[in-house]
Each structure stands twice: as C-alpha cells, then as structure tokens.
C-alpha cells in the first residue's frame, strides 16, 4: 500500500497482492495530477482522503492494465482520463 505525496506523478502498482494507493487531502495539493497504473497487481484500489470523493465515489478499483489520471480540484478528486490495456 502507498500514500501518494507531492513528489509523485506516475505510480506503477507492481506486485501480485491487492494494493491500495491513498490520495492525499485534495485541499493540500490543489492542482496536482497523478497517473496510477496497475502494472502487475491482482487488484488495485485508489482511495480518496477522508470524506473526499473521486468523481463522486470514495474509491476506484482496477484489474491488471487499468490506469487513471486524477487531479485535485479544491476538495475533490477528478478523473481526467482512464485506460485499460493488457499490461
């Protein structure tokens, strides 16, 4: 599991276990953009901070090859793009 920080931009979730990427409080990183890809995990979870949401939901889940680019906008997270590939 991994908590994203201000020096992160592209995160590859790369293990055969279920992994959770925890987003920071959107109000403290307003405007930051992260791309998170499931490179080798059975299941990847992206969790918003506290009661914040990611396009209206508390978390995103994806299987191998799924990726999302998300951005902090005031007190919420927005999905800018999503993609699914075989790797």
C-alpha atoms as a PDB file:
ATOM      1  CA  UNK A   1       0.000   0.000   0.000  1.00  0.00           C
ATOM      2  CA  UNK A   2       1.179   3.504  -0.749  1.00  0.00           C
ATOM      3  CA  UNK A   3       0.212   7.045   0.220  1.00  0.00           C
ATOM      4  CA  UNK A   4       0.895   9.475  -2.614  1.00  0.00           C
ATOM      5  CA  UNK A   5       2.970  12.568  -1.894  1.00  0.00           C
ATOM      6  CA  UNK A   6       3.763  15.862  -3.580  1.00  0.00           C
ATOM      7  CA  UNK A   7       6.856  14.472  -5.324  1.00  0.00           C
ATOM      8  CA  UNK A   8       4.873  11.672  -7.011  1.00  0.00           C
ATOM      9  CA  UNK A   9       3.428  11.955 -10.501  1.00  0.00           C
ATOM     10  CA  UNK A  10       3.356   8.488 -12.094  1.00  0.00           C
ATOM     11  CA  UNK A  11       2.828   5.478  -9.852  1.00  0.00           C
ATOM     12  CA  UNK A  12       3.095   1.868 -11.010  1.00  0.00           C
ATOM     13  CA  UNK A  13       1.390  -0.603  -8.703  1.00  0.00           C
ATOM     14  CA  UNK A  14       3.577  -3.628  -9.284  1.00  0.00           C
ATOM     15  CA  UNK A  15       3.026  -6.671  -7.075  1.00  0.00           C
ATOM     16  CA  UNK A  16       0.739  -9.685  -7.185  1.00  0.00           C
ATOM     17  CA  UNK A  17      -1.043  -8.599  -3.982  1.00  0.00           C
ATOM     18  CA  UNK A  18      -4.066  -6.319  -3.669  1.00  0.00           C
ATOM     19  CA  UNK A  19      -2.666  -2.784  -3.415  1.00  0.00           C
ATOM     20  CA  UNK A  20      -4.187   0.481  -2.245  1.00  0.00           C
ATOM     21  CA  UNK A  21      -2.976   3.889  -3.407  1.00  0.00           C
ATOM     22  CA  UNK A  22      -4.201   6.512  -0.933  1.00  0.00           C
ATOM     23  CA  UNK A  23      -4.677  10.011  -2.292  1.00  0.00           C
ATOM     24  CA  UNK A  24      -3.713  12.927  -0.056  1.00  0.00           C
ATOM     25  CA  UNK A  25      -6.170  15.594   1.095  1.00  0.00           C
ATOM     26  CA  UNK A  26      -7.107  17.385  -2.145  1.00  0.00           C
ATOM     27  CA  UNK A  27      -7.179  20.767  -0.390  1.00  0.00           C
ATOM     28  CA  UNK A  28      -3.467  20.462   0.457  1.00  0.00           C
ATOM     29  CA  UNK A  29      -2.368  19.536  -3.090  1.00  0.00           C
ATOM     30  CA  UNK A  30      -4.859  21.506  -5.218  1.00  0.00           C
ATOM     31  CA  UNK A  31      -3.977  21.175  -8.912  1.00  0.00           C
ATOM     32  CA  UNK A  32      -1.646  18.168  -8.567  1.00  0.00           C
ATOM     33  CA  UNK A  33      -2.049  15.408 -11.152  1.00  0.00           C
ATOM     34  CA  UNK A  34      -1.282  11.730 -10.601  1.00  0.00           C
ATOM     35  CA  UNK A  35      -1.301   8.841 -13.043  1.00  0.00           C
ATOM     36  CA  UNK A  36      -1.692   5.493 -11.314  1.00  0.00           C
ATOM     37  CA  UNK A  37      -1.342   2.230 -13.251  1.00  0.00           C
ATOM     38  CA  UNK A  38      -1.941  -1.342 -12.206  1.00  0.00           C
ATOM     39  CA  UNK A  39       1.189  -2.905 -13.731  1.00  0.00           C
ATOM     40  CA  UNK A  40       1.089  -6.305 -12.016  1.00  0.00           C
ATOM     41  CA  UNK A  41      -1.473  -6.400  -9.217  1.00  0.00           C
ATOM     42  CA  UNK A  42      -4.438  -8.730  -8.882  1.00  0.00           C
ATOM     43  CA  UNK A  43      -6.496  -5.731  -7.841  1.00  0.00           C
ATOM     44  CA  UNK A  44      -5.639  -2.074  -7.348  1.00  0.00           C
ATOM     45  CA  UNK A  45      -7.671   0.338  -5.216  1.00  0.00           C
ATOM     46  CA  UNK A  46      -7.358   4.136  -5.274  1.00  0.00           C
ATOM     47  CA  UNK A  47      -8.824   5.711  -2.137  1.00  0.00           C
ATOM     48  CA  UNK A  48      -9.768   9.345  -1.642  1.00  0.00           C
ATOM     49  CA  UNK A  49      -8.789  11.081   1.594  1.00  0.00           C
ATOM     50  CA  UNK A  50     -11.309  11.280   4.445  1.00  0.00           C
ATOM     51  CA  UNK A  51     -14.789  12.066   3.128  1.00  0.00           C
ATOM     52  CA  UNK A  52     -13.499  13.349  -0.216  1.00  0.00           C
ATOM     53  CA  UNK A  53     -14.541  11.677  -3.455  1.00  0.00           C
ATOM     54  CA  UNK A  54     -13.091  10.795  -6.837  1.00  0.00           C
ATOM     55  CA  UNK A  55     -15.713  11.924  -9.357  1.00  0.00           C
ATOM     56  CA  UNK A  56     -18.418  11.229  -6.786  1.00  0.00           C
ATOM     57  CA  UNK A  57     -17.180   7.870  -5.467  1.00  0.00           C
ATOM     58  CA  UNK A  58     -14.957   7.065  -2.474  1.00  0.00           C
ATOM     59  CA  UNK A  59     -12.604   4.750  -4.367  1.00  0.00           C
ATOM     60  CA  UNK A  60     -11.706   3.325  -7.760  1.00  0.00           C
ATOM     61  CA  UNK A  61     -10.776  -0.305  -8.345  1.00  0.00           C
ATOM     62  CA  UNK A  62      -8.998  -1.802 -11.310  1.00  0.00           C
ATOM     63  CA  UNK A  63      -7.514  -5.032 -12.511  1.00  0.00           C
ATOM     64  CA  UNK A  64      -4.262  -5.602 -14.389  1.00  0.00           C
ATOM     65  CA  UNK A  65      -3.643  -2.945 -17.038  1.00  0.00           C
ATOM     66  CA  UNK A  66      -6.113  -0.375 -15.694  1.00  0.00           C
ATOM     67  CA  UNK A  67      -4.840   3.163 -15.168  1.00  0.00           C
ATOM     68  CA  UNK A  68      -6.281   6.509 -14.138  1.00  0.00           C
ATOM     69  CA  UNK A  69      -5.070  10.074 -14.267  1.00  0.00           C
ATOM     70  CA  UNK A  70      -6.635  12.108 -11.459  1.00  0.00           C
ATOM     71  CA  UNK A  71      -6.360  15.733 -10.395  1.00  0.00           C
ATOM     72  CA  UNK A  72      -7.071  17.529  -7.121  1.00  0.00           C
ATOM     73  CA  UNK A  73      -9.657  20.282  -7.540  1.00  0.00           C
ATOM     74  CA  UNK A  74     -10.270  22.147  -4.289  1.00  0.00           C
ATOM     75  CA  UNK A  75     -11.796  19.474  -2.014  1.00  0.00           C
ATOM     76  CA  UNK A  76     -12.469  16.691  -4.558  1.00  0.00           C
ATOM     77  CA  UNK A  77     -10.547  14.493  -6.978  1.00  0.00           C
ATOM     78  CA  UNK A  78     -11.457  14.436 -10.663  1.00  0.00           C
ATOM     79  CA  UNK A  79     -10.707  11.663 -13.146  1.00  0.00           C
ATOM     80  CA  UNK A  80      -9.039  13.265 -16.154  1.00  0.00           C
ATOM     81  CA  UNK A  81      -8.644  10.004 -18.060  1.00  0.00           C
ATOM     82  CA  UNK A  82      -8.790   6.261 -17.660  1.00  0.00           C
ATOM     83  CA  UNK A  83      -7.357   3.461 -19.748  1.00  0.00           C
ATOM     84  CA  UNK A  84      -7.276  -0.303 -19.756  1.00  0.00           C
ATOM     85  CA  UNK A  85      -4.594  -2.331 -21.509  1.00  0.00           C
ATOM     86  CA  UNK A  86      -3.259  -5.860 -21.304  1.00  0.00           C
ATOM     87  CA  UNK A  87      -0.110  -4.814 -19.403  1.00  0.00           C
END
